[in-house]
Amino acid sequence: MGWEIERKFLVKDESWREGAAGERYRQGYLAIGPPASVRVRVVGDTALLNIKKSTLDIGRAEYEYPVPVEDAHEMLDTLCDGIIIEKTRYKVPVGSHLWEIDVFEGVNAGLIVAEIELDSEDETFEHPAWLGQEVSGDARYFNSSLSQHPFCDW
């Protein structure tokens, strides 16, 4: 079984950007649970189908499979429910961890969320100065929620 332990935070300022390189993401949802969400994502010339258990817990079952990029674009254009999420993801190393910082675009513009994947739910990690409020348990910040209830409508 695939398993992910992830925590999400808002970002207080732009100081994380120094030296950060980003990749454009385009993703949409074929199904939004419970019991699970099913997402298709395109990053550059790769595409993935992701199945994730719907829960507010920071640990959850997750499965991910490569799919042909052409198929992924077709799914995004014809099968996804709600808004297609567009964002640039930056990877920022801090201590022994890699933060992923998503800068959202379109109807979710203005939202910046930092995520960290951990090996255990009680694992400690360095809190960089740019790290803001934790929103791990707030479903509004899930990408699946943003596809249905965009940031511009809050």
C-alpha atoms as a PDB file:
ATOM      1  CA  MET A   1       0.000   0.000   0.000  1.00  0.00           C
ATOM      2  CA  GLY A   2       1.185   3.506  -0.785  1.00  0.00           C
ATOM      3  CA  TRP A   3       1.198   5.885   2.161  1.00  0.00           C
ATOM      4  CA  GLU A   4       1.813   9.617   2.457  1.00  0.00           C
ATOM      5  CA  ILE A   5       2.337  11.757   5.530  1.00  0.00           C
ATOM      6  CA  GLU A   6       2.062  15.387   4.547  1.00  0.00           C
ATOM      7  CA  ARG A   7       1.660  18.669   6.388  1.00  0.00           C
ATOM      8  CA  LYS A   8       0.522  21.941   4.773  1.00  0.00           C
ATOM      9  CA  PHE A   9       1.266  25.509   5.781  1.00  0.00           C
ATOM     10  CA  LEU A  10       0.585  28.987   4.498  1.00  0.00           C
ATOM     11  CA  VAL A  11       3.601  31.080   3.511  1.00  0.00           C
ATOM     12  CA  LYS A  12       4.267  34.408   5.299  1.00  0.00           C
ATOM     13  CA  ASP A  13       6.637  36.087   2.850  1.00  0.00           C
ATOM     14  CA  GLU A  14       8.651  35.701  -0.339  1.00  0.00           C
ATOM     15  CA  SER A  15      12.039  34.916   1.231  1.00  0.00           C
ATOM     16  CA  TRP A  16      11.755  31.246   0.182  1.00  0.00           C
ATOM     17  CA  ARG A  17      12.035  32.252  -3.502  1.00  0.00           C
ATOM     18  CA  GLU A  18      15.776  32.934  -3.506  1.00  0.00           C
ATOM     19  CA  GLY A  19      17.325  30.331  -5.805  1.00  0.00           C
ATOM     20  CA  ALA A  20      14.085  28.339  -6.147  1.00  0.00           C
ATOM     21  CA  ALA A  21      13.249  26.889  -9.563  1.00  0.00           C
ATOM     22  CA  GLY A  22       9.673  25.945 -10.358  1.00  0.00           C
ATOM     23  CA  GLU A  23       7.743  23.611 -12.640  1.00  0.00           C
ATOM     24  CA  ARG A  24       4.268  24.241 -14.023  1.00  0.00           C
ATOM     25  CA  TYR A  25       1.552  21.827 -12.968  1.00  0.00           C
ATOM     26  CA  ARG A  26      -1.856  21.287 -14.488  1.00  0.00           C
ATOM     27  CA  GLN A  27      -4.173  18.925 -12.663  1.00  0.00           C
ATOM     28  CA  GLY A  28      -7.821  18.001 -12.399  1.00  0.00           C
ATOM     29  CA  TYR A  29     -10.095  15.612 -10.550  1.00  0.00           C
ATOM     30  CA  LEU A  30     -11.953  12.681 -12.065  1.00  0.00           C
ATOM     31  CA  ALA A  31     -13.584  11.943  -8.688  1.00  0.00           C
ATOM     32  CA  ILE A  32     -13.646  13.667  -5.324  1.00  0.00           C
ATOM     33  CA  GLY A  33     -14.490  11.436  -2.361  1.00  0.00           C
ATOM     34  CA  PRO A  34     -15.126  10.210   0.098  1.00  0.00           C
ATOM     35  CA  PRO A  35     -13.854   7.570   0.051  1.00  0.00           C
ATOM     36  CA  ALA A  36     -11.101   8.770  -2.321  1.00  0.00           C
ATOM     37  CA  SER A  37     -10.090  11.437  -4.805  1.00  0.00           C
ATOM     38  CA  VAL A  38      -8.788  10.532  -8.249  1.00  0.00           C
ATOM     39  CA  ARG A  39      -6.535  13.110  -9.892  1.00  0.00           C
ATOM     40  CA  VAL A  40      -4.762  13.407 -13.213  1.00  0.00           C
ATOM     41  CA  ARG A  41      -1.684  15.655 -13.319  1.00  0.00           C
ATOM     42  CA  VAL A  42       0.645  16.859 -16.064  1.00  0.00           C
ATOM     43  CA  VAL A  43       4.100  18.201 -15.232  1.00  0.00           C
ATOM     44  CA  GLY A  44       6.239  18.942 -18.272  1.00  0.00           C
ATOM     45  CA  ASP A  45       6.351  15.817 -20.407  1.00  0.00           C
ATOM     46  CA  THR A  46       5.135  13.451 -17.675  1.00  0.00           C
ATOM     47  CA  ALA A  47       1.656  12.606 -16.455  1.00  0.00           C
ATOM     48  CA  LEU A  48       0.358  10.727 -13.421  1.00  0.00           C
ATOM     49  CA  LEU A  49      -2.914   9.304 -12.209  1.00  0.00           C
ATOM     50  CA  ASN A  50      -3.191   9.617  -8.431  1.00  0.00           C
ATOM     51  CA  ILE A  51      -5.658   7.977  -6.056  1.00  0.00           C
ATOM     52  CA  LYS A  52      -5.710   9.322  -2.511  1.00  0.00           C
ATOM     53  CA  LYS A  53      -7.916   8.460   0.462  1.00  0.00           C
ATOM     54  CA  SER A  54     -10.190  11.341   1.469  1.00  0.00           C
ATOM     55  CA  THR A  55      -9.374  12.250   5.052  1.00  0.00           C
ATOM     56  CA  LEU A  56      -8.331  15.218   7.161  1.00  0.00           C
ATOM     57  CA  ASP A  57      -5.564  13.116   8.740  1.00  0.00           C
ATOM     58  CA  ILE A  58      -2.001  14.007   7.746  1.00  0.00           C
ATOM     59  CA  GLY A  59      -1.354  10.328   6.952  1.00  0.00           C
ATOM     60  CA  ARG A  60      -3.345   8.627   4.219  1.00  0.00           C
ATOM     61  CA  ALA A  61      -3.288   5.935   1.575  1.00  0.00           C
ATOM     62  CA  GLU A  62      -1.977   7.154  -1.777  1.00  0.00           C
ATOM     63  CA  TYR A  63      -1.319   5.406  -5.080  1.00  0.00           C
ATOM     64  CA  GLU A  64       0.253   6.955  -8.177  1.00  0.00           C
ATOM     65  CA  TYR A  65       0.675   5.595 -11.703  1.00  0.00           C
ATOM     66  CA  PRO A  66       2.191   7.004 -14.892  1.00  0.00           C
ATOM     67  CA  VAL A  67      -0.166   7.600 -17.818  1.00  0.00           C
ATOM     68  CA  PRO A  68       0.534   8.759 -21.383  1.00  0.00           C
ATOM     69  CA  VAL A  69       0.720  12.570 -21.532  1.00  0.00           C
ATOM     70  CA  GLU A  70      -1.727  12.761 -24.459  1.00  0.00           C
ATOM     71  CA  ASP A  71      -4.268  10.733 -22.480  1.00  0.00           C
ATOM     72  CA  ALA A  72      -3.779  12.970 -19.440  1.00  0.00           C
ATOM     73  CA  HIS A  73      -4.407  16.141 -21.467  1.00  0.00           C
ATOM     74  CA  GLU A  74      -7.533  14.567 -22.938  1.00  0.00           C
ATOM     75  CA  MET A  75      -8.777  13.604 -19.454  1.00  0.00           C
ATOM     76  CA  LEU A  76      -8.095  17.134 -18.186  1.00  0.00           C
ATOM     77  CA  ASP A  77      -9.963  18.652 -21.115  1.00  0.00           C
ATOM     78  CA  THR A  78     -12.974  16.312 -21.169  1.00  0.00           C
ATOM     79  CA  LEU A  79     -13.417  14.260 -17.986  1.00  0.00           C
ATOM     80  CA  CYS A  80     -12.484  16.392 -14.988  1.00  0.00           C
ATOM     81  CA  ASP A  81     -15.069  17.863 -12.659  1.00  0.00           C
ATOM     82  CA  GLY A  82     -14.658  21.442 -11.513  1.00  0.00           C
ATOM     83  CA  ILE A  83     -11.814  23.817 -12.194  1.00  0.00           C
ATOM     84  CA  ILE A  84      -8.456  22.665 -13.540  1.00  0.00           C
ATOM     85  CA  ILE A  85      -5.788  23.558 -10.988  1.00  0.00           C
ATOM     86  CA  GLU A  86      -2.852  25.473 -12.441  1.00  0.00           C
ATOM     87  CA  LYS A  87       0.163  26.220 -10.309  1.00  0.00           C
ATOM     88  CA  THR A  88       3.921  26.423 -10.233  1.00  0.00           C
ATOM     89  CA  ARG A  89       5.614  24.131  -7.731  1.00  0.00           C
ATOM     90  CA  TYR A  90       8.946  25.107  -6.262  1.00  0.00           C
ATOM     91  CA  LYS A  91      11.182  22.682  -4.365  1.00  0.00           C
ATOM     92  CA  VAL A  92      13.046  24.291  -1.497  1.00  0.00           C
ATOM     93  CA  PRO A  93      15.477  22.299   0.673  1.00  0.00           C
ATOM     94  CA  VAL A  94      15.477  23.210   4.370  1.00  0.00           C
ATOM     95  CA  GLY A  95      17.618  21.140   6.704  1.00  0.00           C
ATOM     96  CA  SER A  96      17.128  17.463   5.870  1.00  0.00           C
ATOM     97  CA  HIS A  97      13.711  18.003   4.245  1.00  0.00           C
ATOM     98  CA  LEU A  98      12.446  19.187   0.896  1.00  0.00           C
ATOM     99  CA  TRP A  99       9.566  21.660   0.957  1.00  0.00           C
ATOM    100  CA  GLU A 100       7.213  21.902  -2.006  1.00  0.00           C
ATOM    101  CA  ILE A 101       5.758  25.374  -2.382  1.00  0.00           C
ATOM    102  CA  ASP A 102       2.750  25.749  -4.649  1.00  0.00           C
ATOM    103  CA  VAL A 103       2.016  29.167  -6.130  1.00  0.00           C
ATOM    104  CA  PHE A 104      -1.492  28.952  -7.528  1.00  0.00           C
ATOM    105  CA  GLU A 105      -2.725  30.687 -10.665  1.00  0.00           C
ATOM    106  CA  GLY A 106      -6.056  31.497 -12.281  1.00  0.00           C
ATOM    107  CA  VAL A 107      -9.027  31.531  -9.901  1.00  0.00           C
ATOM    108  CA  ASN A 108      -6.729  30.367  -7.080  1.00  0.00           C
ATOM    109  CA  ALA A 109      -4.179  33.162  -7.638  1.00  0.00           C
ATOM    110  CA  GLY A 110      -2.884  34.715  -4.446  1.00  0.00           C
ATOM    111  CA  LEU A 111      -2.733  31.414  -2.602  1.00  0.00           C
ATOM    112  CA  ILE A 112       0.699  30.035  -1.720  1.00  0.00           C
ATOM    113  CA  VAL A 113       0.930  26.766   0.223  1.00  0.00           C
ATOM    114  CA  ALA A 114       4.036  24.961   1.489  1.00  0.00           C
ATOM    115  CA  GLU A 115       3.944  21.172   1.936  1.00  0.00           C
ATOM    116  CA  ILE A 116       6.369  18.809   3.584  1.00  0.00           C
ATOM    117  CA  GLU A 117       6.318  15.014   3.395  1.00  0.00           C
ATOM    118  CA  LEU A 118       7.416  13.194   6.521  1.00  0.00           C
ATOM    119  CA  ASP A 119       8.389   9.640   7.433  1.00  0.00           C
ATOM    120  CA  SER A 120       6.208   9.628  10.566  1.00  0.00           C
ATOM    121  CA  GLU A 121       3.391  11.765  11.919  1.00  0.00           C
ATOM    122  CA  ASP A 122       5.475  12.884  14.906  1.00  0.00           C
ATOM    123  CA  GLU A 123       8.667  13.595  12.944  1.00  0.00           C
ATOM    124  CA  THR A 124      10.297  16.910  13.803  1.00  0.00           C
ATOM    125  CA  PHE A 125      11.412  19.329  11.111  1.00  0.00           C
ATOM    126  CA  GLU A 126      12.919  22.768  10.812  1.00  0.00           C
ATOM    127  CA  HIS A 127      10.397  25.631  10.581  1.00  0.00           C
ATOM    128  CA  PRO A 128      11.869  28.199   8.171  1.00  0.00           C
ATOM    129  CA  ALA A 129      11.188  31.897   8.816  1.00  0.00           C
ATOM    130  CA  TRP A 130       8.815  32.114   5.830  1.00  0.00           C
ATOM    131  CA  LEU A 131       6.544  29.371   7.201  1.00  0.00           C
ATOM    132  CA  GLY A 132       3.109  30.547   8.320  1.00  0.00           C
ATOM    133  CA  GLN A 133       0.026  28.983   9.859  1.00  0.00           C
ATOM    134  CA  GLU A 134      -0.495  25.228   9.548  1.00  0.00           C
ATOM    135  CA  VAL A 135      -3.567  24.314   7.472  1.00  0.00           C
ATOM    136  CA  SER A 136      -3.130  20.532   7.292  1.00  0.00           C
ATOM    137  CA  GLY A 137      -6.568  19.890   8.802  1.00  0.00           C
ATOM    138  CA  ASP A 138      -8.409  22.551   6.802  1.00  0.00           C
ATOM    139  CA  ALA A 139     -10.010  20.889   3.771  1.00  0.00           C
ATOM    140  CA  ARG A 140     -10.348  24.240   1.950  1.00  0.00           C
ATOM    141  CA  TYR A 141      -6.619  24.049   1.153  1.00  0.00           C
ATOM    142  CA  PHE A 142      -6.782  20.602  -0.471  1.00  0.00           C
ATOM    143  CA  ASN A 143      -6.313  20.857  -4.224  1.00  0.00           C
ATOM    144  CA  SER A 144      -9.476  18.792  -4.680  1.00  0.00           C
ATOM    145  CA  SER A 145     -11.413  21.423  -2.688  1.00  0.00           C
ATOM    146  CA  LEU A 146      -9.805  24.280  -4.624  1.00  0.00           C
ATOM    147  CA  SER A 147     -11.090  22.692  -7.838  1.00  0.00           C
ATOM    148  CA  GLN A 148     -14.651  22.977  -6.500  1.00  0.00           C
ATOM    149  CA  HIS A 149     -14.417  26.091  -4.312  1.00  0.00           C
ATOM    150  CA  PRO A 150     -11.627  28.323  -5.630  1.00  0.00           C
ATOM    151  CA  PHE A 151      -9.665  30.742  -3.489  1.00  0.00           C
ATOM    152  CA  CYS A 152     -11.195  33.769  -5.268  1.00  0.00           C
ATOM    153  CA  ASP A 153     -14.619  32.845  -3.820  1.00  0.00           C
ATOM    154  CA  TRP A 154     -13.564  32.704  -0.155  1.00  0.00           C
END
